[in-house]
Amino acid sequence: MKYICLIYEDETLIPSRSDEEQQAIMSDYFAFTGEVQQAGKMVAGDALMPTETATTVRVRDGQRVTTDGPFVETKEQLGGYYLLECDNLDEAIELASKIPSAKWGSIEVRPIMVFNQ
């Protein structure tokens, strides 16, 4: 079954990190990515640009309305994701706990819905 691991953290803290701290975090991410790739669990994964680059789209009364920025203001922002192929939720949670941002942010784990056509 596929699970998406949504990575949330406070993006305003990123500029306060030293180059060494940022390099260590990226090294941890590369190690985790390599681990899930090597195990054949990774389907996809990407980092997202900061929320200031986001555009929110809504359709109201048949009219498209766009707004700069994220849908809602939150303390933590969606910064990226991993799409993993796991045997069950327990395995997905175990892998999600290894995502580096779990140490200071949060990881939302959700199963992917499959529709029969």
PDB file of N, CA and C in Angstrom:
ATOM      1  N   MET A   1       0.843  -1.170   0.000  1.00  0.00           N
ATOM      2  CA  MET A   1       0.000   0.000   0.000  1.00  0.00           C
ATOM      3  C   MET A   1       0.895   1.242   0.000  1.00  0.00           C
ATOM      4  N   LYS A   2       0.424   2.283  -0.660  1.00  0.00           N
ATOM      5  CA  LYS A   2       1.181   3.530  -0.715  1.00  0.00           C
ATOM      6  C   LYS A   2       0.732   4.465   0.418  1.00  0.00           C
ATOM      7  N   TYR A   3       1.732   5.136   1.007  1.00  0.00           N
ATOM      8  CA  TYR A   3       1.504   6.120   2.057  1.00  0.00           C
ATOM      9  C   TYR A   3       2.255   7.390   1.699  1.00  0.00           C
ATOM     10  N   ILE A   4       1.610   8.535   1.910  1.00  0.00           N
ATOM     11  CA  ILE A   4       2.301   9.798   1.727  1.00  0.00           C
ATOM     12  C   ILE A   4       2.706  10.308   3.110  1.00  0.00           C
ATOM     13  N   CYS A   5       3.932  10.750   3.195  1.00  0.00           N
ATOM     14  CA  CYS A   5       4.469  11.334   4.415  1.00  0.00           C
ATOM     15  C   CYS A   5       4.669  12.815   4.132  1.00  0.00           C
ATOM     16  N   LEU A   6       3.794  13.635   4.695  1.00  0.00           N
ATOM     17  CA  LEU A   6       3.831  15.081   4.487  1.00  0.00           C
ATOM     18  C   LEU A   6       4.698  15.707   5.572  1.00  0.00           C
ATOM     19  N   ILE A   7       5.684  16.466   5.156  1.00  0.00           N
ATOM     20  CA  ILE A   7       6.691  17.010   6.067  1.00  0.00           C
ATOM     21  C   ILE A   7       6.335  18.459   6.398  1.00  0.00           C
ATOM     22  N   TYR A   8       6.076  18.717   7.675  1.00  0.00           N
ATOM     23  CA  TYR A   8       5.723  20.058   8.134  1.00  0.00           C
ATOM     24  C   TYR A   8       6.787  20.576   9.087  1.00  0.00           C
ATOM     25  N   GLU A   9       7.171  21.832   8.897  1.00  0.00           N
ATOM     26  CA  GLU A   9       8.055  22.487   9.841  1.00  0.00           C
ATOM     27  C   GLU A   9       7.878  23.994   9.715  1.00  0.00           C
ATOM     28  N   ASP A  10       8.402  24.718  10.677  1.00  0.00           N
ATOM     29  CA  ASP A  10       8.317  26.178  10.680  1.00  0.00           C
ATOM     30  C   ASP A  10       9.402  26.713   9.754  1.00  0.00           C
ATOM     31  N   GLU A  11       9.014  27.133   8.558  1.00  0.00           N
ATOM     32  CA  GLU A  11      10.004  27.568   7.571  1.00  0.00           C
ATOM     33  C   GLU A  11      10.685  28.874   7.950  1.00  0.00           C
ATOM     34  N   THR A  12      10.132  29.613   8.917  1.00  0.00           N
ATOM     35  CA  THR A  12      10.793  30.849   9.333  1.00  0.00           C
ATOM     36  C   THR A  12      12.076  30.574  10.115  1.00  0.00           C
ATOM     37  N   LEU A  13      12.248  29.340  10.591  1.00  0.00           N
ATOM     38  CA  LEU A  13      13.460  28.992  11.340  1.00  0.00           C
ATOM     39  C   LEU A  13      14.639  28.667  10.416  1.00  0.00           C
ATOM     40  N   ILE A  14      14.370  28.367   9.163  1.00  0.00           N
ATOM     41  CA  ILE A  14      15.427  27.937   8.242  1.00  0.00           C
ATOM     42  C   ILE A  14      16.537  28.979   8.104  1.00  0.00           C
ATOM     43  N   PRO A  15      16.228  30.267   7.916  1.00  0.00           N
ATOM     44  CA  PRO A  15      17.317  31.248   7.766  1.00  0.00           C
ATOM     45  C   PRO A  15      18.201  31.390   9.001  1.00  0.00           C
ATOM     46  N   SER A  16      17.699  30.997  10.177  1.00  0.00           N
ATOM     47  CA  SER A  16      18.495  31.131  11.401  1.00  0.00           C
ATOM     48  C   SER A  16      19.503  29.995  11.573  1.00  0.00           C
ATOM     49  N   ARG A  17      19.437  28.982  10.739  1.00  0.00           N
ATOM     50  CA  ARG A  17      20.381  27.865  10.838  1.00  0.00           C
ATOM     51  C   ARG A  17      21.713  28.250  10.202  1.00  0.00           C
ATOM     52  N   SER A  18      22.775  27.797  10.831  1.00  0.00           N
ATOM     53  CA  SER A  18      24.100  28.032  10.256  1.00  0.00           C
ATOM     54  C   SER A  18      24.271  27.151   9.023  1.00  0.00           C
ATOM     55  N   ASP A  19      25.260  27.476   8.207  1.00  0.00           N
ATOM     56  CA  ASP A  19      25.553  26.649   7.032  1.00  0.00           C
ATOM     57  C   ASP A  19      25.855  25.220   7.451  1.00  0.00           C
ATOM     58  N   GLU A  20      26.574  25.065   8.560  1.00  0.00           N
ATOM     59  CA  GLU A  20      26.919  23.724   9.049  1.00  0.00           C
ATOM     60  C   GLU A  20      25.672  22.947   9.458  1.00  0.00           C
ATOM     61  N   GLU A  21      24.746  23.627  10.152  1.00  0.00           N
ATOM     62  CA  GLU A  21      23.499  22.969  10.553  1.00  0.00           C
ATOM     63  C   GLU A  21      22.690  22.567   9.323  1.00  0.00           C
ATOM     64  N   GLN A  22      22.593  23.464   8.349  1.00  0.00           N
ATOM     65  CA  GLN A  22      21.822  23.165   7.138  1.00  0.00           C
ATOM     66  C   GLN A  22      22.455  22.009   6.363  1.00  0.00           C
ATOM     67  N   GLN A  23      23.775  21.991   6.286  1.00  0.00           N
ATOM     68  CA  GLN A  23      24.465  20.897   5.595  1.00  0.00           C
ATOM     69  C   GLN A  23      24.237  19.566   6.314  1.00  0.00           C
ATOM     70  N   ALA A  24      24.248  19.590   7.651  1.00  0.00           N
ATOM     71  CA  ALA A  24      24.001  18.367   8.416  1.00  0.00           C
ATOM     72  C   ALA A  24      22.581  17.854   8.179  1.00  0.00           C
ATOM     73  N   ILE A  25      21.619  18.763   8.141  1.00  0.00           N
ATOM     74  CA  ILE A  25      20.231  18.375   7.881  1.00  0.00           C
ATOM     75  C   ILE A  25      20.106  17.761   6.492  1.00  0.00           C
ATOM     76  N   MET A  26      20.703  18.400   5.500  1.00  0.00           N
ATOM     77  CA  MET A  26      20.629  17.874   4.138  1.00  0.00           C
ATOM     78  C   MET A  26      21.320  16.518   4.046  1.00  0.00           C
ATOM     79  N   SER A  27      22.421  16.357   4.751  1.00  0.00           N
ATOM     80  CA  SER A  27      23.102  15.062   4.779  1.00  0.00           C
ATOM     81  C   SER A  27      22.187  13.988   5.356  1.00  0.00           C
ATOM     82  N   ASP A  28      21.461  14.336   6.438  1.00  0.00           N
ATOM     83  CA  ASP A  28      20.502  13.390   7.024  1.00  0.00           C
ATOM     84  C   ASP A  28      19.390  13.052   6.034  1.00  0.00           C
ATOM     85  N   TYR A  29      18.914  14.060   5.294  1.00  0.00           N
ATOM     86  CA  TYR A  29      17.875  13.806   4.289  1.00  0.00           C
ATOM     87  C   TYR A  29      18.395  12.903   3.173  1.00  0.00           C
ATOM     88  N   PHE A  30      19.602  13.172   2.687  1.00  0.00           N
ATOM     89  CA  PHE A  30      20.169  12.322   1.626  1.00  0.00           C
ATOM     90  C   PHE A  30      20.334  10.887   2.122  1.00  0.00           C
ATOM     91  N   ALA A  31      20.729  10.719   3.387  1.00  0.00           N
ATOM     92  CA  ALA A  31      20.879   9.381   3.954  1.00  0.00           C
ATOM     93  C   ALA A  31      19.528   8.674   4.034  1.00  0.00           C
ATOM     94  N   PHE A  32      18.498   9.379   4.514  1.00  0.00           N
ATOM     95  CA  PHE A  32      17.169   8.773   4.595  1.00  0.00           C
ATOM     96  C   PHE A  32      16.664   8.406   3.205  1.00  0.00           C
ATOM     97  N   THR A  33      16.809   9.324   2.255  1.00  0.00           N
ATOM     98  CA  THR A  33      16.353   9.056   0.882  1.00  0.00           C
ATOM     99  C   THR A  33      17.060   7.831   0.324  1.00  0.00           C
ATOM    100  N   GLY A  34      18.359   7.741   0.528  1.00  0.00           N
ATOM    101  CA  GLY A  34      19.110   6.573   0.071  1.00  0.00           C
ATOM    102  C   GLY A  34      18.612   5.287   0.715  1.00  0.00           C
ATOM    103  N   GLU A  35      18.291   5.361   2.011  1.00  0.00           N
ATOM    104  CA  GLU A  35      17.801   4.184   2.735  1.00  0.00           C
ATOM    105  C   GLU A  35      16.492   3.666   2.145  1.00  0.00           C
ATOM    106  N   VAL A  36      15.508   4.566   1.925  1.00  0.00           N
ATOM    107  CA  VAL A  36      14.218   4.103   1.412  1.00  0.00           C
ATOM    108  C   VAL A  36      14.309   3.722  -0.067  1.00  0.00           C
ATOM    109  N   GLN A  37      15.211   4.356  -0.812  1.00  0.00           N
ATOM    110  CA  GLN A  37      15.424   3.939  -2.201  1.00  0.00           C
ATOM    111  C   GLN A  37      16.031   2.543  -2.239  1.00  0.00           C
ATOM    112  N   GLN A  38      17.066   2.335  -1.435  1.00  0.00           N
ATOM    113  CA  GLN A  38      17.758   1.037  -1.388  1.00  0.00           C
ATOM    114  C   GLN A  38      16.801  -0.083  -0.975  1.00  0.00           C
ATOM    115  N   ALA A  39      15.882   0.227  -0.070  1.00  0.00           N
ATOM    116  CA  ALA A  39      14.917  -0.769   0.407  1.00  0.00           C
ATOM    117  C   ALA A  39      13.762  -0.982  -0.567  1.00  0.00           C
ATOM    118  N   GLY A  40      13.715  -0.202  -1.657  1.00  0.00           N
ATOM    119  CA  GLY A  40      12.636  -0.332  -2.630  1.00  0.00           C
ATOM    120  C   GLY A  40      11.313   0.220  -2.132  1.00  0.00           C
ATOM    121  N   LYS A  41      11.357   1.115  -1.148  1.00  0.00           N
ATOM    122  CA  LYS A  41      10.135   1.662  -0.552  1.00  0.00           C
ATOM    123  C   LYS A  41       9.740   3.007  -1.143  1.00  0.00           C
ATOM    124  N   MET A  42      10.682   3.706  -1.758  1.00  0.00           N
ATOM    125  CA  MET A  42      10.399   5.061  -2.233  1.00  0.00           C
ATOM    126  C   MET A  42       9.748   5.046  -3.602  1.00  0.00           C
ATOM    127  N   VAL A  43       8.596   5.688  -3.709  1.00  0.00           N
ATOM    128  CA  VAL A  43       7.908   5.865  -4.979  1.00  0.00           C
ATOM    129  C   VAL A  43       8.252   7.241  -5.544  1.00  0.00           C
ATOM    130  N   ALA A  44       8.227   8.263  -4.675  1.00  0.00           N
ATOM    131  CA  ALA A  44       8.540   9.629  -5.081  1.00  0.00           C
ATOM    132  C   ALA A  44       8.836  10.448  -3.836  1.00  0.00           C
ATOM    133  N   GLY A  45       9.390  11.608  -4.042  1.00  0.00           N
ATOM    134  CA  GLY A  45       9.636  12.527  -2.938  1.00  0.00           C
ATOM    135  C   GLY A  45      10.224  13.816  -3.475  1.00  0.00           C
ATOM    136  N   ASP A  46       9.788  14.914  -2.923  1.00  0.00           N
ATOM    137  CA  ASP A  46      10.271  16.215  -3.358  1.00  0.00           C
ATOM    138  C   ASP A  46      10.198  17.200  -2.213  1.00  0.00           C
ATOM    139  N   ALA A  47      11.100  18.176  -2.257  1.00  0.00           N
ATOM    140  CA  ALA A  47      11.010  19.335  -1.377  1.00  0.00           C
ATOM    141  C   ALA A  47      10.200  20.393  -2.112  1.00  0.00           C
ATOM    142  N   LEU A  48       9.536  21.245  -1.361  1.00  0.00           N
ATOM    143  CA  LEU A  48       8.734  22.308  -1.953  1.00  0.00           C
ATOM    144  C   LEU A  48       9.411  23.656  -1.741  1.00  0.00           C
ATOM    145  N   MET A  49       9.181  24.565  -2.654  1.00  0.00           N
ATOM    146  CA  MET A  49       9.655  25.932  -2.489  1.00  0.00           C
ATOM    147  C   MET A  49       8.897  26.550  -1.313  1.00  0.00           C
ATOM    148  N   PRO A  50       9.413  27.645  -0.718  1.00  0.00           N
ATOM    149  CA  PRO A  50       8.743  28.265   0.433  1.00  0.00           C
ATOM    150  C   PRO A  50       7.308  28.696   0.110  1.00  0.00           C
ATOM    151  N   THR A  51       6.505  28.832   1.162  1.00  0.00           N
ATOM    152  CA  THR A  51       5.092  29.168   0.977  1.00  0.00           C
ATOM    153  C   THR A  51       4.895  30.516   0.289  1.00  0.00           C
ATOM    154  N   GLU A  52       5.867  31.395   0.358  1.00  0.00           N
ATOM    155  CA  GLU A  52       5.734  32.693  -0.328  1.00  0.00           C
ATOM    156  C   GLU A  52       5.622  32.527  -1.837  1.00  0.00           C
ATOM    157  N   THR A  53       5.987  31.349  -2.366  1.00  0.00           N
ATOM    158  CA  THR A  53       5.870  31.093  -3.804  1.00  0.00           C
ATOM    159  C   THR A  53       4.546  30.424  -4.167  1.00  0.00           C
ATOM    160  N   ALA A  54       3.732  30.107  -3.161  1.00  0.00           N
ATOM    161  CA  ALA A  54       2.486  29.371  -3.395  1.00  0.00           C
ATOM    162  C   ALA A  54       1.400  30.266  -3.982  1.00  0.00           C
ATOM    163  N   THR A  55       0.509  29.643  -4.725  1.00  0.00           N
ATOM    164  CA  THR A  55      -0.716  30.282  -5.207  1.00  0.00           C
ATOM    165  C   THR A  55      -1.863  29.356  -4.853  1.00  0.00           C
ATOM    166  N   THR A  56      -2.881  29.906  -4.208  1.00  0.00           N
ATOM    167  CA  THR A  56      -4.063  29.129  -3.854  1.00  0.00           C
ATOM    168  C   THR A  56      -5.156  29.425  -4.876  1.00  0.00           C
ATOM    169  N   VAL A  57      -5.802  28.363  -5.370  1.00  0.00           N
ATOM    170  CA  VAL A  57      -6.847  28.482  -6.392  1.00  0.00           C
ATOM    171  C   VAL A  57      -8.174  28.024  -5.798  1.00  0.00           C
ATOM    172  N   ARG A  58      -9.189  28.825  -6.010  1.00  0.00           N
ATOM    173  CA  ARG A  58     -10.554  28.473  -5.613  1.00  0.00           C
ATOM    174  C   ARG A  58     -11.487  28.796  -6.782  1.00  0.00           C
ATOM    175  N   VAL A  59     -12.585  28.071  -6.888  1.00  0.00           N
ATOM    176  CA  VAL A  59     -13.628  28.416  -7.852  1.00  0.00           C
ATOM    177  C   VAL A  59     -14.891  28.684  -7.049  1.00  0.00           C
ATOM    178  N   ARG A  60     -15.406  29.899  -7.174  1.00  0.00           N
ATOM    179  CA  ARG A  60     -16.612  30.318  -6.463  1.00  0.00           C
ATOM    180  C   ARG A  60     -17.581  30.895  -7.474  1.00  0.00           C
ATOM    181  N   ASP A  61     -18.797  30.347  -7.462  1.00  0.00           N
ATOM    182  CA  ASP A  61     -19.834  30.794  -8.399  1.00  0.00           C
ATOM    183  C   ASP A  61     -19.326  30.752  -9.837  1.00  0.00           C
ATOM    184  N   GLY A  62     -18.568  29.701 -10.155  1.00  0.00           N
ATOM    185  CA  GLY A  62     -18.067  29.510 -11.516  1.00  0.00           C
ATOM    186  C   GLY A  62     -16.886  30.380 -11.892  1.00  0.00           C
ATOM    187  N   GLN A  63     -16.391  31.189 -10.971  1.00  0.00           N
ATOM    188  CA  GLN A  63     -15.269  32.087 -11.256  1.00  0.00           C
ATOM    189  C   GLN A  63     -14.017  31.605 -10.525  1.00  0.00           C
ATOM    190  N   ARG A  64     -12.916  31.579 -11.230  1.00  0.00           N
ATOM    191  CA  ARG A  64     -11.639  31.203 -10.624  1.00  0.00           C
ATOM    192  C   ARG A  64     -11.070  32.408  -9.873  1.00  0.00           C
ATOM    193  N   VAL A  65     -10.660  32.158  -8.651  1.00  0.00           N
ATOM    194  CA  VAL A  65     -10.043  33.185  -7.820  1.00  0.00           C
ATOM    195  C   VAL A  65      -8.698  32.646  -7.359  1.00  0.00           C
ATOM    196  N   THR A  66      -7.642  33.431  -7.562  1.00  0.00           N
ATOM    197  CA  THR A  66      -6.321  33.013  -7.097  1.00  0.00           C
ATOM    198  C   THR A  66      -5.835  33.977  -6.020  1.00  0.00           C
ATOM    199  N   THR A  67      -5.110  33.429  -5.075  1.00  0.00           N
ATOM    200  CA  THR A  67      -4.551  34.212  -3.977  1.00  0.00           C
ATOM    201  C   THR A  67      -3.090  33.830  -3.830  1.00  0.00           C
ATOM    202  N   ASP A  68      -2.231  34.830  -3.690  1.00  0.00           N
ATOM    203  CA  ASP A  68      -0.831  34.532  -3.427  1.00  0.00           C
ATOM    204  C   ASP A  68      -0.695  33.957  -2.035  1.00  0.00           C
ATOM    205  N   GLY A  69       0.173  32.963  -1.916  1.00  0.00           N
ATOM    206  CA  GLY A  69       0.457  32.392  -0.611  1.00  0.00           C
ATOM    207  C   GLY A  69      -0.338  31.135  -0.344  1.00  0.00           C
ATOM    208  N   PRO A  70      -0.093  30.560   0.836  1.00  0.00           N
ATOM    209  CA  PRO A  70      -0.761  29.295   1.181  1.00  0.00           C
ATOM    210  C   PRO A  70      -2.226  29.499   1.508  1.00  0.00           C
ATOM    211  N   PHE A  71      -2.934  28.396   1.604  1.00  0.00           N
ATOM    212  CA  PHE A  71      -4.369  28.405   1.881  1.00  0.00           C
ATOM    213  C   PHE A  71      -4.672  28.996   3.255  1.00  0.00           C
ATOM    214  N   VAL A  72      -3.882  28.612   4.259  1.00  0.00           N
ATOM    215  CA  VAL A  72      -4.112  29.095   5.621  1.00  0.00           C
ATOM    216  C   VAL A  72      -2.775  29.439   6.274  1.00  0.00           C
ATOM    217  N   GLU A  73      -2.843  30.311   7.252  1.00  0.00           N
ATOM    218  CA  GLU A  73      -1.668  30.616   8.061  1.00  0.00           C
ATOM    219  C   GLU A  73      -1.539  29.550   9.140  1.00  0.00           C
ATOM    220  N   THR A  74      -0.364  28.975   9.268  1.00  0.00           N
ATOM    221  CA  THR A  74      -0.114  27.962  10.291  1.00  0.00           C
ATOM    222  C   THR A  74       1.272  28.170  10.874  1.00  0.00           C
ATOM    223  N   LYS A  75       1.534  27.532  12.002  1.00  0.00           N
ATOM    224  CA  LYS A  75       2.865  27.608  12.608  1.00  0.00           C
ATOM    225  C   LYS A  75       3.847  26.737  11.844  1.00  0.00           C
ATOM    226  N   GLU A  76       3.368  25.662  11.262  1.00  0.00           N
ATOM    227  CA  GLU A  76       4.218  24.776  10.453  1.00  0.00           C
ATOM    228  C   GLU A  76       3.679  24.754   9.032  1.00  0.00           C
ATOM    229  N   GLN A  77       4.593  24.721   8.073  1.00  0.00           N
ATOM    230  CA  GLN A  77       4.205  24.725   6.676  1.00  0.00           C
ATOM    231  C   GLN A  77       4.629  23.409   6.023  1.00  0.00           C
ATOM    232  N   LEU A  78       3.887  23.016   4.992  1.00  0.00           N
ATOM    233  CA  LEU A  78       4.233  21.825   4.226  1.00  0.00           C
ATOM    234  C   LEU A  78       5.494  22.133   3.433  1.00  0.00           C
ATOM    235  N   GLY A  79       6.559  21.378   3.694  1.00  0.00           N
ATOM    236  CA  GLY A  79       7.837  21.643   3.053  1.00  0.00           C
ATOM    237  C   GLY A  79       8.259  20.593   2.054  1.00  0.00           C
ATOM    238  N   GLY A  80       7.581  19.455   2.056  1.00  0.00           N
ATOM    239  CA  GLY A  80       7.933  18.389   1.122  1.00  0.00           C
ATOM    240  C   GLY A  80       7.175  17.125   1.463  1.00  0.00           C
ATOM    241  N   TYR A  81       7.505  16.074   0.761  1.00  0.00           N
ATOM    242  CA  TYR A  81       6.799  14.816   0.983  1.00  0.00           C
ATOM    243  C   TYR A  81       7.647  13.642   0.513  1.00  0.00           C
ATOM    244  N   TYR A  82       7.320  12.486   1.018  1.00  0.00           N
ATOM    245  CA  TYR A  82       7.790  11.208   0.488  1.00  0.00           C
ATOM    246  C   TYR A  82       6.553  10.379   0.210  1.00  0.00           C
ATOM    247  N   LEU A  83       6.515   9.726  -0.927  1.00  0.00           N
ATOM    248  CA  LEU A  83       5.488   8.745  -1.240  1.00  0.00           C
ATOM    249  C   LEU A  83       6.165   7.392  -1.142  1.00  0.00           C
ATOM    250  N   LEU A  84       5.714   6.583  -0.187  1.00  0.00           N
ATOM    251  CA  LEU A  84       6.376   5.319   0.113  1.00  0.00           C
ATOM    252  C   LEU A  84       5.447   4.142  -0.127  1.00  0.00           C
ATOM    253  N   GLU A  85       6.004   3.044  -0.567  1.00  0.00           N
ATOM    254  CA  GLU A  85       5.284   1.780  -0.709  1.00  0.00           C
ATOM    255  C   GLU A  85       5.629   0.949   0.511  1.00  0.00           C
ATOM    256  N   CYS A  86       4.641   0.718   1.383  1.00  0.00           N
ATOM    257  CA  CYS A  86       4.876   0.016   2.639  1.00  0.00           C
ATOM    258  C   CYS A  86       3.913  -1.158   2.771  1.00  0.00           C
ATOM    259  N   ASP A  87       4.305  -2.114   3.595  1.00  0.00           N
ATOM    260  CA  ASP A  87       3.451  -3.277   3.825  1.00  0.00           C
ATOM    261  C   ASP A  87       2.217  -2.926   4.641  1.00  0.00           C
ATOM    262  N   ASN A  88       2.367  -1.939   5.543  1.00  0.00           N
ATOM    263  CA  ASN A  88       1.256  -1.567   6.414  1.00  0.00           C
ATOM    264  C   ASN A  88       1.546  -0.218   7.066  1.00  0.00           C
ATOM    265  N   LEU A  89       0.576   0.278   7.837  1.00  0.00           N
ATOM    266  CA  LEU A  89       0.720   1.575   8.488  1.00  0.00           C
ATOM    267  C   LEU A  89       1.888   1.580   9.471  1.00  0.00           C
ATOM    268  N   ASP A  90       2.100   0.487  10.178  1.00  0.00           N
ATOM    269  CA  ASP A  90       3.208   0.432  11.134  1.00  0.00           C
ATOM    270  C   ASP A  90       4.543   0.670  10.444  1.00  0.00           C
ATOM    271  N   GLU A  91       4.736   0.070   9.285  1.00  0.00           N
ATOM    272  CA  GLU A  91       5.985   0.276   8.549  1.00  0.00           C
ATOM    273  C   GLU A  91       6.087   1.734   8.077  1.00  0.00           C
ATOM    274  N   ALA A  92       4.980   2.304   7.609  1.00  0.00           N
ATOM    275  CA  ALA A  92       4.983   3.700   7.157  1.00  0.00           C
ATOM    276  C   ALA A  92       5.342   4.635   8.318  1.00  0.00           C
ATOM    277  N   ILE A  93       4.800   4.372   9.496  1.00  0.00           N
ATOM    278  CA  ILE A  93       5.105   5.194  10.672  1.00  0.00           C
ATOM    279  C   ILE A  93       6.563   5.032  11.067  1.00  0.00           C
ATOM    280  N   GLU A  94       7.065   3.825  11.021  1.00  0.00           N
ATOM    281  CA  GLU A  94       8.476   3.584  11.348  1.00  0.00           C
ATOM    282  C   GLU A  94       9.385   4.379  10.414  1.00  0.00           C
ATOM    283  N   LEU A  95       9.110   4.334   9.124  1.00  0.00           N
ATOM    284  CA  LEU A  95       9.930   5.088   8.169  1.00  0.00           C
ATOM    285  C   LEU A  95       9.748   6.592   8.363  1.00  0.00           C
ATOM    286  N   ALA A  96       8.517   7.039   8.600  1.00  0.00           N
ATOM    287  CA  ALA A  96       8.263   8.469   8.805  1.00  0.00           C
ATOM    288  C   ALA A  96       9.037   8.997  10.005  1.00  0.00           C
ATOM    289  N   SER A  97       9.203   8.171  11.018  1.00  0.00           N
ATOM    290  CA  SER A  97       9.932   8.615  12.209  1.00  0.00           C
ATOM    291  C   SER A  97      11.412   8.841  11.922  1.00  0.00           C
ATOM    292  N   LYS A  98      11.898   8.337  10.799  1.00  0.00           N
ATOM    293  CA  LYS A  98      13.301   8.517  10.408  1.00  0.00           C
ATOM    294  C   LYS A  98      13.507   9.750   9.526  1.00  0.00           C
ATOM    295  N   ILE A  99      12.430  10.393   9.092  1.00  0.00           N
ATOM    296  CA  ILE A  99      12.561  11.614   8.291  1.00  0.00           C
ATOM    297  C   ILE A  99      13.131  12.698   9.193  1.00  0.00           C
ATOM    298  N   PRO A 100      14.230  13.329   8.802  1.00  0.00           N
ATOM    299  CA  PRO A 100      14.907  14.269   9.700  1.00  0.00           C
ATOM    300  C   PRO A 100      14.015  15.334  10.327  1.00  0.00           C
ATOM    301  N   SER A 101      13.070  15.899   9.605  1.00  0.00           N
ATOM    302  CA  SER A 101      12.232  16.967  10.155  1.00  0.00           C
ATOM    303  C   SER A 101      11.315  16.499  11.278  1.00  0.00           C
ATOM    304  N   ALA A 102      11.175  15.196  11.474  1.00  0.00           N
ATOM    305  CA  ALA A 102      10.368  14.696  12.586  1.00  0.00           C
ATOM    306  C   ALA A 102      10.971  15.126  13.922  1.00  0.00           C
ATOM    307  N   LYS A 103      12.264  15.471  13.930  1.00  0.00           N
ATOM    308  CA  LYS A 103      12.942  15.877  15.164  1.00  0.00           C
ATOM    309  C   LYS A 103      12.533  17.271  15.626  1.00  0.00           C
ATOM    310  N   TRP A 104      12.079  18.136  14.728  1.00  0.00           N
ATOM    311  CA  TRP A 104      11.712  19.508  15.115  1.00  0.00           C
ATOM    312  C   TRP A 104      10.378  19.944  14.511  1.00  0.00           C
ATOM    313  N   GLY A 105       9.841  19.186  13.576  1.00  0.00           N
ATOM    314  CA  GLY A 105       8.555  19.494  12.958  1.00  0.00           C
ATOM    315  C   GLY A 105       7.612  18.327  13.171  1.00  0.00           C
ATOM    316  N   SER A 106       6.829  18.021  12.166  1.00  0.00           N
ATOM    317  CA  SER A 106       5.919  16.878  12.253  1.00  0.00           C
ATOM    318  C   SER A 106       5.771  16.247  10.877  1.00  0.00           C
ATOM    319  N   ILE A 107       5.453  14.961  10.892  1.00  0.00           N
ATOM    320  CA  ILE A 107       5.245  14.205   9.661  1.00  0.00           C
ATOM    321  C   ILE A 107       3.831  13.633   9.714  1.00  0.00           C
ATOM    322  N   GLU A 108       3.022  13.996   8.750  1.00  0.00           N
ATOM    323  CA  GLU A 108       1.664  13.450   8.653  1.00  0.00           C
ATOM    324  C   GLU A 108       1.716  12.260   7.703  1.00  0.00           C
ATOM    325  N   VAL A 109       1.274  11.101   8.171  1.00  0.00           N
ATOM    326  CA  VAL A 109       1.273   9.875   7.372  1.00  0.00           C
ATOM    327  C   VAL A 109      -0.161   9.560   6.989  1.00  0.00           C
ATOM    328  N   ARG A 110      -0.394   9.450   5.673  1.00  0.00           N
ATOM    329  CA  ARG A 110      -1.753   9.153   5.206  1.00  0.00           C
ATOM    330  C   ARG A 110      -1.697   8.109   4.112  1.00  0.00           C
ATOM    331  N   PRO A 111      -2.591   7.107   4.178  1.00  0.00           N
ATOM    332  CA  PRO A 111      -2.650   6.129   3.098  1.00  0.00           C
ATOM    333  C   PRO A 111      -3.231   6.760   1.836  1.00  0.00           C
ATOM    334  N   ILE A 112      -2.779   6.264   0.718  1.00  0.00           N
ATOM    335  CA  ILE A 112      -3.280   6.728  -0.583  1.00  0.00           C
ATOM    336  C   ILE A 112      -4.537   5.922  -0.913  1.00  0.00           C
ATOM    337  N   MET A 113      -5.587   6.617  -1.275  1.00  0.00           N
ATOM    338  CA  MET A 113      -6.851   5.974  -1.623  1.00  0.00           C
ATOM    339  C   MET A 113      -6.751   5.384  -3.033  1.00  0.00           C
ATOM    340  N   VAL A 114      -7.201   4.176  -3.175  1.00  0.00           N
ATOM    341  CA  VAL A 114      -7.202   3.512  -4.480  1.00  0.00           C
ATOM    342  C   VAL A 114      -8.643   3.336  -4.928  1.00  0.00           C
ATOM    343  N   PHE A 115      -8.921   3.795  -6.148  1.00  0.00           N
ATOM    344  CA  PHE A 115     -10.266   3.669  -6.701  1.00  0.00           C
ATOM    345  C   PHE A 115     -10.285   2.534  -7.718  1.00  0.00           C
ATOM    346  N   ASN A 116     -11.291   1.704  -7.652  1.00  0.00           N
ATOM    347  CA  ASN A 116     -11.494   0.658  -8.660  1.00  0.00           C
ATOM    348  C   ASN A 116     -12.255   1.273  -9.817  1.00  0.00           C
ATOM    349  N   GLN A 117     -11.744   1.078 -11.028  1.00  0.00           N
ATOM    350  CA  GLN A 117     -12.399   1.693 -12.188  1.00  0.00           C
ATOM    351  C   GLN A 117     -13.180   0.698 -12.976  1.00  0.00           C
TER     352      GLN A 117
END
